Amino acid sequence: MAIAVETTFHGVTLTTYDDLLRRLDFRAGGDSEPGCLFHYTVPTDDGFRGVDVWESAEAFDRFVGGRLAPVLEHLGIPRPEVAMAEVHNYLIAPSDRR
């Protein structure tokens, strides 16, 4: 079952977010992590928020444990606030269909 995940990072700049992406071998507009159906990021008053839809909670947990957490620790970025919800439905552009 697909899940929506919001990760809110307080006190972390978008420049640091961009560095995080580079270290994870992601680029703006490029491919996401396997299991992540889509991702976007918006600035907040004191940091940024990432919003994702994942194929499952297990796919998200694998990414966090295997790839994201070690890079966050290396960069000294504190763990974000995380909110999850089951997704009822989502739509994608025709060119993104698999």
N, C-alpha and C. Protein backbone atom coordinates (compact mmCIF):
# COMPACT_ATOMS: atom_id res chain seq x y z
N MET A 1 0.83 -1.16 0.00
CA MET A 1 0.00 0.00 0.00
C MET A 1 0.89 1.24 0.00
N ALA A 2 0.58 2.20 -0.86
CA ALA A 2 1.37 3.43 -0.97
C ALA A 2 1.18 4.28 0.28
N ILE A 3 2.26 4.98 0.64
CA ILE A 3 2.20 5.90 1.78
C ILE A 3 2.76 7.26 1.39
N ALA A 4 2.18 8.29 1.98
CA ALA A 4 2.72 9.64 1.85
C ALA A 4 3.62 9.89 3.05
N VAL A 5 4.77 10.51 2.79
CA VAL A 5 5.72 10.80 3.86
C VAL A 5 6.12 12.27 3.76
N GLU A 6 5.95 13.00 4.86
CA GLU A 6 6.45 14.37 4.95
C GLU A 6 7.59 14.38 5.95
N THR A 7 8.75 14.87 5.51
CA THR A 7 9.90 15.01 6.40
C THR A 7 10.21 16.49 6.52
N THR A 8 10.15 17.00 7.73
CA THR A 8 10.38 18.43 7.97
C THR A 8 11.70 18.60 8.71
N PHE A 9 12.61 19.32 8.08
CA PHE A 9 13.93 19.58 8.63
C PHE A 9 13.99 21.01 9.14
N HIS A 10 14.18 21.17 10.43
CA HIS A 10 14.29 22.49 11.05
C HIS A 10 15.76 22.90 11.14
N GLY A 11 16.04 24.16 10.80
CA GLY A 11 17.40 24.67 10.93
C GLY A 11 18.36 24.14 9.88
N VAL A 12 17.85 23.62 8.79
CA VAL A 12 18.69 23.08 7.72
C VAL A 12 18.40 23.87 6.44
N THR A 13 19.44 24.37 5.80
CA THR A 13 19.25 25.22 4.62
C THR A 13 19.01 24.38 3.37
N LEU A 14 18.46 25.04 2.35
CA LEU A 14 18.29 24.37 1.07
C LEU A 14 19.64 24.06 0.42
N THR A 15 20.65 24.83 0.72
CA THR A 15 22.00 24.54 0.23
C THR A 15 22.48 23.20 0.80
N THR A 16 22.21 22.98 2.07
CA THR A 16 22.56 21.70 2.69
C THR A 16 21.74 20.57 2.07
N TYR A 17 20.45 20.83 1.80
CA TYR A 17 19.61 19.84 1.13
C TYR A 17 20.21 19.47 -0.23
N ASP A 18 20.64 20.48 -0.99
CA ASP A 18 21.25 20.22 -2.31
C ASP A 18 22.50 19.36 -2.17
N ASP A 19 23.30 19.62 -1.12
CA ASP A 19 24.49 18.81 -0.86
C ASP A 19 24.08 17.37 -0.53
N LEU A 20 23.03 17.23 0.27
CA LEU A 20 22.51 15.91 0.60
C LEU A 20 22.12 15.14 -0.67
N LEU A 21 21.41 15.81 -1.58
CA LEU A 21 21.04 15.17 -2.84
C LEU A 21 22.27 14.68 -3.61
N ARG A 22 23.28 15.55 -3.72
CA ARG A 22 24.50 15.17 -4.44
C ARG A 22 25.14 13.93 -3.82
N ARG A 23 25.21 13.90 -2.51
CA ARG A 23 25.85 12.77 -1.82
C ARG A 23 25.06 11.48 -1.99
N LEU A 24 23.74 11.61 -2.25
CA LEU A 24 22.90 10.44 -2.51
C LEU A 24 22.83 10.11 -4.00
N ASP A 25 23.57 10.85 -4.81
CA ASP A 25 23.59 10.67 -6.27
C ASP A 25 22.25 10.95 -6.92
N PHE A 26 21.52 11.94 -6.39
CA PHE A 26 20.27 12.41 -7.00
C PHE A 26 20.54 13.77 -7.62
N ARG A 27 19.71 14.13 -8.59
CA ARG A 27 19.78 15.48 -9.15
C ARG A 27 18.35 15.96 -9.38
N ALA A 28 18.18 17.26 -9.31
CA ALA A 28 16.86 17.85 -9.51
C ALA A 28 16.27 17.40 -10.84
N GLY A 29 15.04 16.93 -10.83
CA GLY A 29 14.39 16.47 -12.04
C GLY A 29 14.80 15.08 -12.48
N GLY A 30 15.71 14.45 -11.72
CA GLY A 30 16.20 13.12 -12.11
C GLY A 30 15.40 12.00 -11.47
N ASP A 31 15.96 10.82 -11.54
CA ASP A 31 15.31 9.64 -10.98
C ASP A 31 15.30 9.68 -9.46
N SER A 32 14.27 9.05 -8.89
CA SER A 32 14.18 8.94 -7.44
C SER A 32 14.71 7.57 -7.00
N GLU A 33 14.71 7.36 -5.72
CA GLU A 33 15.10 6.08 -5.13
C GLU A 33 14.10 5.00 -5.56
N PRO A 34 14.56 3.78 -5.84
CA PRO A 34 13.60 2.71 -6.12
C PRO A 34 12.58 2.62 -4.98
N GLY A 35 11.32 2.55 -5.33
CA GLY A 35 10.25 2.50 -4.34
C GLY A 35 9.63 3.84 -4.04
N CYS A 36 10.32 4.93 -4.43
CA CYS A 36 9.78 6.28 -4.24
C CYS A 36 9.09 6.69 -5.54
N LEU A 37 7.79 6.87 -5.48
CA LEU A 37 7.03 7.19 -6.68
C LEU A 37 7.22 8.63 -7.11
N PHE A 38 7.34 9.55 -6.15
CA PHE A 38 7.75 10.92 -6.46
C PHE A 38 8.17 11.64 -5.19
N HIS A 39 8.91 12.72 -5.39
CA HIS A 39 9.47 13.52 -4.28
C HIS A 39 9.49 14.98 -4.70
N TYR A 40 9.16 15.84 -3.77
CA TYR A 40 9.41 17.27 -3.98
C TYR A 40 9.77 17.91 -2.65
N THR A 41 10.40 19.07 -2.73
CA THR A 41 10.86 19.78 -1.55
C THR A 41 10.42 21.23 -1.63
N VAL A 42 10.01 21.78 -0.48
CA VAL A 42 9.62 23.18 -0.40
C VAL A 42 10.32 23.82 0.80
N PRO A 43 10.64 25.11 0.67
CA PRO A 43 11.23 25.80 1.83
C PRO A 43 10.17 26.03 2.90
N THR A 44 10.61 26.09 4.14
CA THR A 44 9.76 26.47 5.27
C THR A 44 10.39 27.68 5.94
N ASP A 45 9.74 28.20 6.97
CA ASP A 45 10.28 29.38 7.65
C ASP A 45 11.64 29.13 8.29
N ASP A 46 11.91 27.88 8.68
CA ASP A 46 13.17 27.60 9.36
C ASP A 46 13.91 26.39 8.79
N GLY A 47 13.65 26.05 7.54
CA GLY A 47 14.33 24.91 6.94
C GLY A 47 13.65 24.49 5.66
N PHE A 48 13.30 23.19 5.57
CA PHE A 48 12.62 22.71 4.38
C PHE A 48 11.79 21.48 4.72
N ARG A 49 10.88 21.15 3.81
CA ARG A 49 10.04 19.96 3.95
C ARG A 49 10.11 19.16 2.66
N GLY A 50 10.36 17.87 2.80
CA GLY A 50 10.30 16.95 1.67
C GLY A 50 8.99 16.19 1.73
N VAL A 51 8.36 16.03 0.59
CA VAL A 51 7.11 15.28 0.50
C VAL A 51 7.29 14.18 -0.54
N ASP A 52 6.97 12.96 -0.14
CA ASP A 52 7.15 11.80 -1.00
C ASP A 52 5.88 10.97 -1.02
N VAL A 53 5.75 10.15 -2.06
CA VAL A 53 4.84 9.02 -2.05
C VAL A 53 5.71 7.80 -2.33
N TRP A 54 5.63 6.83 -1.44
CA TRP A 54 6.40 5.59 -1.53
C TRP A 54 5.47 4.42 -1.81
N GLU A 55 5.99 3.41 -2.48
CA GLU A 55 5.21 2.20 -2.75
C GLU A 55 4.74 1.54 -1.47
N SER A 56 5.56 1.64 -0.40
CA SER A 56 5.23 1.02 0.89
C SER A 56 6.07 1.65 1.99
N ALA A 57 5.64 1.44 3.22
CA ALA A 57 6.42 1.90 4.37
C ALA A 57 7.76 1.17 4.41
N GLU A 58 7.77 -0.09 4.00
CA GLU A 58 9.01 -0.88 4.00
C GLU A 58 10.03 -0.30 3.02
N ALA A 59 9.57 0.16 1.86
CA ALA A 59 10.50 0.77 0.90
C ALA A 59 11.11 2.05 1.48
N PHE A 60 10.29 2.85 2.15
CA PHE A 60 10.79 4.07 2.79
C PHE A 60 11.80 3.70 3.88
N ASP A 61 11.47 2.74 4.72
CA ASP A 61 12.37 2.34 5.80
C ASP A 61 13.70 1.82 5.28
N ARG A 62 13.67 1.06 4.16
CA ARG A 62 14.93 0.57 3.57
C ARG A 62 15.81 1.74 3.13
N PHE A 63 15.19 2.74 2.49
CA PHE A 63 15.96 3.90 2.05
C PHE A 63 16.55 4.65 3.23
N VAL A 64 15.74 4.89 4.25
CA VAL A 64 16.24 5.63 5.41
C VAL A 64 17.38 4.87 6.07
N GLY A 65 17.17 3.60 6.37
CA GLY A 65 18.19 2.83 7.08
C GLY A 65 19.44 2.55 6.26
N GLY A 66 19.26 2.31 4.98
CA GLY A 66 20.39 1.93 4.15
C GLY A 66 21.15 3.07 3.53
N ARG A 67 20.45 4.18 3.23
CA ARG A 67 21.13 5.27 2.50
C ARG A 67 21.02 6.63 3.17
N LEU A 68 19.83 7.02 3.58
CA LEU A 68 19.64 8.38 4.06
C LEU A 68 20.28 8.63 5.43
N ALA A 69 20.00 7.79 6.40
CA ALA A 69 20.49 8.02 7.76
C ALA A 69 22.01 8.18 7.83
N PRO A 70 22.80 7.33 7.15
CA PRO A 70 24.25 7.52 7.22
C PRO A 70 24.71 8.87 6.65
N VAL A 71 24.07 9.35 5.60
CA VAL A 71 24.46 10.65 5.02
C VAL A 71 24.04 11.79 5.93
N LEU A 72 22.84 11.70 6.51
CA LEU A 72 22.41 12.73 7.47
C LEU A 72 23.40 12.82 8.62
N GLU A 73 23.81 11.66 9.13
CA GLU A 73 24.76 11.64 10.24
C GLU A 73 26.09 12.24 9.82
N HIS A 74 26.59 11.87 8.64
CA HIS A 74 27.86 12.40 8.15
C HIS A 74 27.83 13.93 8.03
N LEU A 75 26.70 14.47 7.57
CA LEU A 75 26.56 15.91 7.40
C LEU A 75 26.18 16.63 8.69
N GLY A 76 25.89 15.88 9.75
CA GLY A 76 25.49 16.50 11.01
C GLY A 76 24.08 17.07 10.98
N ILE A 77 23.24 16.51 10.12
CA ILE A 77 21.86 16.97 10.00
C ILE A 77 21.01 16.18 10.99
N PRO A 78 20.29 16.89 11.87
CA PRO A 78 19.43 16.16 12.80
C PRO A 78 18.30 15.45 12.08
N ARG A 79 17.82 14.36 12.67
CA ARG A 79 16.70 13.64 12.09
C ARG A 79 15.49 14.57 11.97
N PRO A 80 14.73 14.44 10.90
CA PRO A 80 13.58 15.32 10.69
C PRO A 80 12.35 14.84 11.46
N GLU A 81 11.36 15.72 11.52
CA GLU A 81 10.02 15.30 11.93
C GLU A 81 9.47 14.49 10.76
N VAL A 82 8.82 13.38 11.03
CA VAL A 82 8.28 12.54 9.97
C VAL A 82 6.80 12.30 10.23
N ALA A 83 5.99 12.55 9.21
CA ALA A 83 4.56 12.25 9.27
C ALA A 83 4.23 11.33 8.10
N MET A 84 3.46 10.27 8.37
CA MET A 84 3.09 9.30 7.34
C MET A 84 1.57 9.14 7.31
N ALA A 85 1.06 8.86 6.12
CA ALA A 85 -0.36 8.57 5.96
C ALA A 85 -0.54 7.62 4.79
N GLU A 86 -1.55 6.76 4.88
CA GLU A 86 -1.87 5.89 3.76
C GLU A 86 -2.40 6.74 2.61
N VAL A 87 -2.00 6.41 1.39
CA VAL A 87 -2.45 7.15 0.21
C VAL A 87 -3.69 6.47 -0.35
N HIS A 88 -4.72 7.23 -0.54
CA HIS A 88 -5.95 6.72 -1.15
C HIS A 88 -5.78 6.61 -2.66
N ASN A 89 -5.16 7.64 -3.27
CA ASN A 89 -4.98 7.67 -4.72
C ASN A 89 -3.89 8.66 -5.06
N TYR A 90 -3.25 8.46 -6.19
CA TYR A 90 -2.33 9.44 -6.73
C TYR A 90 -2.37 9.33 -8.25
N LEU A 91 -2.00 10.40 -8.92
CA LEU A 91 -1.97 10.46 -10.37
C LEU A 91 -0.57 10.80 -10.83
N ILE A 92 -0.19 10.32 -12.01
CA ILE A 92 1.13 10.65 -12.58
C ILE A 92 0.94 11.06 -14.03
N ALA A 93 1.92 11.77 -14.54
CA ALA A 93 1.90 12.20 -15.94
C ALA A 93 2.03 10.97 -16.84
N PRO A 94 1.41 10.99 -18.02
CA PRO A 94 1.47 9.82 -18.92
C PRO A 94 2.89 9.37 -19.24
N SER A 95 3.84 10.29 -19.38
CA SER A 95 5.20 9.91 -19.72
C SER A 95 5.89 9.17 -18.58
N ASP A 96 5.35 9.26 -17.35
CA ASP A 96 5.96 8.60 -16.20
C ASP A 96 5.39 7.21 -15.95
N ARG A 97 4.43 6.80 -16.71
CA ARG A 97 3.82 5.48 -16.46
C ARG A 97 4.78 4.37 -16.84
N ARG A 98 4.72 3.32 -16.08
CA ARG A 98 5.66 2.22 -16.30
C ARG A 98 4.97 1.03 -16.85
